[in-house]
């Protein structure tokens, strides 16, 4: 009997852990990580040094919950196309690890908790911006744009820019030109970051009838657009130097990392027009490294003595 009880307990624990992992998967942790990379450095820049650590921790927790809520809503709304696409075939609502109702309730609970948490621990502006980010990603991008236009990523990417404003607002309870420029950097960066991924999974998006640019246009057109947005992203990042103002570290990183990002974008386009083997994920990963380096410089530059 003891063996049977132990077996049931072990099975119960395994089932419980599986459900916890499924709920975490709903929040799209990798997306949350990328958003946090832009939040903490902006808070340091806004404070002109290390801000109150409790405030920073609260902002990061609240921001993570908000991003997780948006991700959970997205998984719920897109569950039909997730079942068609191979890239999303392991998501909890596709595998049946969680029910549709459980996912929807979880998304609403996270939304309420995240906004209330930011309101109580930071300020009203950060909380309002958090709610706006969730609304934009869920309603404007997922429900309206994603299935209707090839411009979905361009405008839908605005949701991913909000952490910059939230971090700044948490420290200053205001919005100035510096966070607006960084908002624009993330906005311009999103298409050349995501379009290469859509090139790799073009068949997936086509089978799900999602009009990504890589589906409705050829890879040559996608490659050209990636170049244009990469140049615009780097140019916008340089505007922060006189506005913030930024020092030598940020200047060097913005120029060097930006040049690397542009070169990788041109390489993608060159392979596309030559009809050679295109490696879009190289640009995808390069874009992540570029943004990470740029925002690390945003956070470290104000801490330097000169």
Protein backbone atom coordinates (compact mmCIF):
# COMPACT_ATOMS: atom_id res chain seq x y z
CA UNK A 1 0.00 0.00 0.00
CA UNK A 2 2.83 2.38 0.83
CA UNK A 3 4.26 1.77 -2.62
CA UNK A 4 0.90 2.60 -4.21
CA UNK A 5 0.59 5.81 -2.18
CA UNK A 6 4.12 6.86 -3.09
CA UNK A 7 3.41 6.18 -6.74
CA UNK A 8 0.26 8.32 -6.65
CA UNK A 9 2.12 11.12 -4.86
CA UNK A 10 4.93 11.02 -7.39
CA UNK A 11 2.44 11.02 -10.24
CA UNK A 12 0.61 13.95 -8.65
CA UNK A 13 3.82 15.94 -8.31
CA UNK A 14 4.78 15.23 -11.92
CA UNK A 15 1.31 16.31 -13.10
CA UNK A 16 1.51 19.46 -10.99
CA UNK A 17 4.94 20.37 -12.35
CA UNK A 18 3.75 19.77 -15.90
CA UNK A 19 0.87 22.19 -15.37
CA UNK A 20 3.16 24.81 -13.84
CA UNK A 21 5.46 24.53 -16.87
CA UNK A 22 2.44 24.84 -19.16
CA UNK A 23 1.29 28.04 -17.47
CA UNK A 24 4.82 29.44 -17.72
CA UNK A 25 4.92 28.52 -21.41
CA UNK A 26 1.74 30.56 -21.94
CA UNK A 27 3.63 33.70 -20.89
CA UNK A 28 6.28 33.25 -23.64
CA UNK A 29 9.31 33.57 -21.31
CA UNK A 30 11.81 34.33 -24.09
CA UNK A 31 9.79 37.37 -25.14
CA UNK A 32 9.59 38.49 -21.50
CA UNK A 33 13.37 38.20 -21.17
CA UNK A 34 13.91 40.40 -24.20
CA UNK A 35 11.51 43.04 -22.89
CA UNK A 36 13.30 43.15 -19.52
CA UNK A 37 16.59 43.81 -21.33
CA UNK A 38 15.17 47.17 -22.40
CA UNK A 39 13.54 48.09 -19.07
CA UNK A 40 16.32 48.04 -16.47
CA UNK A 41 18.89 50.07 -18.49
CA UNK A 42 16.30 52.76 -19.22
CA UNK A 43 15.59 53.07 -15.49
CA UNK A 44 19.31 53.63 -14.84
CA UNK A 45 19.42 56.28 -17.56
CA UNK A 46 16.31 57.98 -16.18
CA UNK A 47 17.81 58.09 -12.67
CA UNK A 48 21.24 59.16 -13.88
CA UNK A 49 22.64 56.28 -11.83
CA UNK A 50 21.36 53.26 -9.95
CA UNK A 51 17.69 53.87 -9.07
CA UNK A 52 16.02 52.61 -5.94
CA UNK A 53 16.56 48.86 -6.11
CA UNK A 54 13.12 48.04 -4.72
CA UNK A 55 11.56 50.24 -7.40
CA UNK A 56 13.59 48.52 -10.09
CA UNK A 57 12.64 45.07 -8.81
CA UNK A 58 8.96 46.02 -8.62
CA UNK A 59 9.02 47.43 -12.15
CA UNK A 60 10.68 44.33 -13.55
CA UNK A 61 8.22 42.04 -11.77
CA UNK A 62 5.22 44.09 -12.85
CA UNK A 63 6.55 44.33 -16.41
CA UNK A 64 7.12 40.57 -16.53
CA UNK A 65 3.57 39.90 -15.37
CA UNK A 66 2.19 42.33 -17.97
CA UNK A 67 4.18 40.77 -20.79
CA UNK A 68 3.15 37.31 -19.57
CA UNK A 69 -0.51 38.33 -19.58
CA UNK A 70 -0.24 39.58 -23.16
CA UNK A 71 1.47 36.33 -24.18
CA UNK A 72 -1.23 34.23 -22.53
CA UNK A 73 -3.99 36.16 -24.31
CA UNK A 74 -2.10 35.69 -27.58
CA UNK A 75 -1.89 31.92 -27.05
CA UNK A 76 -5.62 31.81 -26.34
CA UNK A 77 -6.66 33.91 -29.35
CA UNK A 78 -4.24 32.24 -31.77
CA UNK A 79 -4.88 28.68 -30.62
CA UNK A 80 -6.49 27.82 -33.97
CA UNK A 81 -3.49 28.83 -36.07
CA UNK A 82 -1.06 27.44 -33.48
CA UNK A 83 -2.54 24.01 -34.20
CA UNK A 84 -1.67 24.43 -37.89
CA UNK A 85 1.87 25.77 -37.57
CA UNK A 86 4.73 23.40 -36.76
CA UNK A 87 6.62 26.16 -34.91
CA UNK A 88 3.84 26.48 -32.35
CA UNK A 89 2.77 22.84 -32.15
CA UNK A 90 4.16 22.42 -28.63
CA UNK A 91 2.20 25.27 -27.04
CA UNK A 92 -0.02 24.25 -24.07
CA UNK A 93 -3.38 24.79 -25.79
CA UNK A 94 -2.24 22.75 -28.78
CA UNK A 95 -0.99 19.80 -26.73
CA UNK A 96 -3.96 19.92 -24.36
CA UNK A 97 -1.77 20.55 -21.30
CA UNK A 98 -4.22 23.32 -20.39
CA UNK A 99 -7.81 24.00 -21.39
CA UNK A 100 -8.88 27.10 -23.28
CA UNK A 101 -10.79 28.34 -20.25
CA UNK A 102 -7.79 27.88 -17.95
CA UNK A 103 -5.62 29.93 -20.32
CA UNK A 104 -8.17 32.74 -20.59
CA UNK A 105 -8.70 32.96 -16.82
CA UNK A 106 -4.93 32.92 -16.29
CA UNK A 107 -4.47 35.77 -18.79
CA UNK A 108 -7.09 37.95 -17.08
CA UNK A 109 -5.72 37.24 -13.61
CA UNK A 110 -2.19 38.17 -14.72
CA UNK A 111 -3.50 41.36 -16.31
CA UNK A 112 -5.28 42.54 -13.18
CA UNK A 113 -2.39 41.59 -10.89
CA UNK A 114 0.27 43.22 -13.09
CA UNK A 115 -1.52 46.55 -13.46
CA UNK A 116 -2.53 46.66 -9.78
CA UNK A 117 1.00 45.70 -8.70
CA UNK A 118 2.59 48.49 -10.76
CA UNK A 119 0.02 50.98 -9.48
CA UNK A 120 0.80 50.09 -5.87
CA UNK A 121 4.59 49.80 -6.16
CA UNK A 122 5.51 52.39 -8.83
CA UNK A 123 3.06 55.05 -10.01
CA UNK A 124 -0.11 55.59 -11.99
CA UNK A 125 1.68 56.40 -15.28
CA UNK A 126 3.67 53.15 -15.32
CA UNK A 127 0.49 51.19 -14.53
CA UNK A 128 -1.50 52.92 -17.31
CA UNK A 129 1.30 52.30 -19.82
CA UNK A 130 1.36 48.63 -18.79
CA UNK A 131 -2.38 48.30 -19.39
CA UNK A 132 -2.00 50.08 -22.74
CA UNK A 133 0.76 47.67 -23.78
CA UNK A 134 -1.42 44.65 -23.05
CA UNK A 135 -4.37 46.19 -24.91
CA UNK A 136 -2.24 47.06 -27.93
CA UNK A 137 -0.67 43.62 -28.21
CA UNK A 138 -3.88 41.69 -27.63
CA UNK A 139 -6.48 43.79 -29.43
CA UNK A 140 -4.64 45.88 -32.02
CA UNK A 141 -1.99 43.35 -33.03
CA UNK A 142 -3.38 39.87 -32.31
CA UNK A 143 -7.07 40.45 -32.98
CA UNK A 144 -6.99 43.15 -35.68
CA UNK A 145 -3.69 43.35 -37.57
CA UNK A 146 -2.06 39.94 -37.51
CA UNK A 147 -4.50 38.13 -39.81
CA UNK A 148 -5.36 41.08 -42.04
CA UNK A 149 -2.23 42.88 -43.23
CA UNK A 150 1.41 42.27 -44.09
CA UNK A 151 2.15 45.42 -42.08
CA UNK A 152 1.14 43.54 -38.89
CA UNK A 153 4.64 43.38 -37.41
CA UNK A 154 5.40 47.03 -38.12
CA UNK A 155 2.48 48.40 -36.13
CA UNK A 156 2.01 45.44 -33.83
CA UNK A 157 5.60 45.86 -32.72
CA UNK A 158 4.57 49.01 -30.85
CA UNK A 159 3.48 46.79 -27.96
CA UNK A 160 7.08 45.66 -27.49
CA UNK A 161 8.22 49.28 -27.21
CA UNK A 162 6.18 50.05 -24.09
CA UNK A 163 8.68 48.61 -21.54
CA UNK A 164 10.99 51.51 -22.40
CA UNK A 165 8.29 54.02 -21.46
CA UNK A 166 7.24 52.00 -18.40
CA UNK A 167 10.79 51.91 -17.04
CA UNK A 168 11.27 55.64 -17.52
CA UNK A 169 7.86 56.49 -16.08
CA UNK A 170 8.48 54.31 -13.02
CA UNK A 171 11.50 56.45 -12.14
CA UNK A 172 10.39 59.93 -13.21
CA UNK A 173 6.57 59.70 -13.47
CA UNK A 174 6.95 61.50 -16.81
CA UNK A 175 7.88 60.93 -20.45
CA UNK A 176 10.61 62.99 -22.15
CA UNK A 177 12.44 62.85 -25.48
CA UNK A 178 15.04 60.26 -24.38
CA UNK A 179 12.52 57.43 -23.80
CA UNK A 180 10.63 58.45 -26.94
CA UNK A 181 13.82 57.99 -28.98
CA UNK A 182 14.44 54.59 -27.40
CA UNK A 183 10.79 53.71 -28.03
CA UNK A 184 11.38 54.54 -31.70
CA UNK A 185 14.56 52.43 -31.73
CA UNK A 186 12.67 49.34 -30.59
CA UNK A 187 9.81 50.16 -32.99
CA UNK A 188 12.16 50.36 -35.99
CA UNK A 189 14.15 47.33 -34.81
CA UNK A 190 11.15 44.99 -34.59
CA UNK A 191 10.57 44.43 -38.36
CA UNK A 192 14.20 43.53 -39.20
CA UNK A 193 14.20 41.33 -36.10
CA UNK A 194 10.98 39.44 -36.86
CA UNK A 195 10.87 39.34 -40.67
CA UNK A 196 13.90 37.01 -40.93
CA UNK A 197 12.09 34.62 -38.56
CA UNK A 198 9.03 34.79 -40.80
CA UNK A 199 11.26 33.94 -43.78
CA UNK A 200 12.39 30.75 -42.08
CA UNK A 201 8.82 29.78 -41.21
CA UNK A 202 7.21 31.10 -44.39
CA UNK A 203 5.46 27.79 -45.12
CA UNK A 204 4.04 27.74 -41.60
CA UNK A 205 2.55 31.22 -41.94
CA UNK A 206 1.22 30.45 -45.42
CA UNK A 207 -0.52 27.29 -44.21
CA UNK A 208 -2.16 29.31 -41.43
CA UNK A 209 -3.18 32.10 -43.86
CA UNK A 210 -1.18 34.73 -41.96
CA UNK A 211 -0.19 37.47 -44.45
CA UNK A 212 3.36 37.97 -43.24
CA UNK A 213 5.54 39.99 -45.61
CA UNK A 214 7.52 36.84 -46.44
CA UNK A 215 4.28 35.18 -47.59
CA UNK A 216 2.78 37.95 -49.73
CA UNK A 217 6.11 39.17 -51.12
CA UNK A 218 9.28 37.38 -52.13
CA UNK A 219 12.40 36.99 -50.03
CA UNK A 220 14.14 39.71 -52.07
CA UNK A 221 11.54 42.27 -50.99
CA UNK A 222 11.80 41.09 -47.38
CA UNK A 223 15.59 41.40 -47.53
CA UNK A 224 15.35 44.96 -48.88
CA UNK A 225 12.90 45.97 -46.15
CA UNK A 226 15.19 44.47 -43.50
CA UNK A 227 18.04 46.67 -44.79
CA UNK A 228 15.94 49.83 -44.76
CA UNK A 229 14.67 49.26 -41.23
CA UNK A 230 18.12 48.28 -39.96
CA UNK A 231 19.57 51.57 -41.24
CA UNK A 232 16.66 53.50 -39.72
CA UNK A 233 17.14 51.72 -36.37
CA UNK A 234 20.82 52.58 -36.17
CA UNK A 235 20.25 56.19 -37.25
CA UNK A 236 17.56 56.59 -34.60
CA UNK A 237 19.84 55.15 -31.91
CA UNK A 238 22.40 57.87 -32.65
CA UNK A 239 19.82 60.57 -31.89
CA UNK A 240 20.04 59.63 -28.23
CA UNK A 241 23.67 60.84 -28.03
CA UNK A 242 22.88 64.60 -28.05
CA UNK A 243 19.48 64.28 -26.39
CA UNK A 244 20.24 62.20 -23.25
CA UNK A 245 23.19 63.12 -23.51
CA UNK A 246 25.21 59.92 -23.85
CA UNK A 247 28.95 59.42 -23.38
CA UNK A 248 31.73 57.64 -25.23
CA UNK A 249 30.68 54.07 -24.33
CA UNK A 250 27.19 54.35 -25.76
CA UNK A 251 28.52 56.15 -28.85
CA UNK A 252 31.06 53.43 -29.61
CA UNK A 253 28.58 50.59 -29.01
CA UNK A 254 25.79 52.25 -31.01
CA UNK A 255 28.10 52.76 -33.99
CA UNK A 256 29.97 49.43 -33.86
CA UNK A 257 26.99 47.18 -33.06
CA UNK A 258 24.85 49.13 -35.49
CA UNK A 259 27.40 48.64 -38.27
CA UNK A 260 27.42 44.90 -37.56
CA UNK A 261 23.60 44.76 -37.67
CA UNK A 262 23.56 46.62 -41.00
CA UNK A 263 26.24 44.37 -42.52
CA UNK A 264 24.27 41.24 -41.56
CA UNK A 265 21.13 42.77 -43.11
CA UNK A 266 22.95 43.50 -46.38
CA UNK A 267 24.34 39.96 -46.40
CA UNK A 268 20.81 38.56 -46.16
CA UNK A 269 19.65 40.72 -49.07
CA UNK A 270 22.70 39.82 -51.18
CA UNK A 271 21.99 36.11 -50.79
CA UNK A 272 18.30 36.66 -51.57
CA UNK A 273 18.90 38.45 -54.88
CA UNK A 274 21.52 35.90 -55.91
CA UNK A 275 19.04 33.10 -55.18
CA UNK A 276 21.61 31.43 -52.97
CA UNK A 277 21.10 29.71 -49.66
CA UNK A 278 19.50 32.31 -47.39
CA UNK A 279 20.19 32.09 -43.66
CA UNK A 280 17.61 34.45 -42.16
CA UNK A 281 18.13 33.22 -38.59
CA UNK A 282 21.61 34.72 -38.67
CA UNK A 283 20.04 38.18 -38.91
CA UNK A 284 17.41 37.21 -36.34
CA UNK A 285 20.04 36.29 -33.74
CA UNK A 286 22.21 39.26 -34.71
CA UNK A 287 19.30 41.61 -34.10
CA UNK A 288 18.86 40.24 -30.56
CA UNK A 289 22.57 40.67 -29.84
CA UNK A 290 22.47 44.20 -31.28
CA UNK A 291 19.56 45.32 -29.12
CA UNK A 292 21.06 43.69 -26.02
CA UNK A 293 24.43 45.42 -26.53
CA UNK A 294 22.77 48.77 -27.24
CA UNK A 295 20.66 48.72 -24.09
CA UNK A 296 23.52 47.46 -21.96
CA UNK A 297 25.37 50.56 -23.11
CA UNK A 298 22.32 52.66 -22.22
CA UNK A 299 22.48 51.30 -18.67
CA UNK A 300 26.27 51.35 -18.17
CA UNK A 301 27.05 54.71 -19.77
CA UNK A 302 25.43 56.85 -17.01
CA UNK A 303 27.45 54.97 -14.37
CA UNK A 304 30.83 55.90 -15.85
CA UNK A 305 32.76 58.74 -14.16
CA UNK A 306 33.58 60.41 -17.48
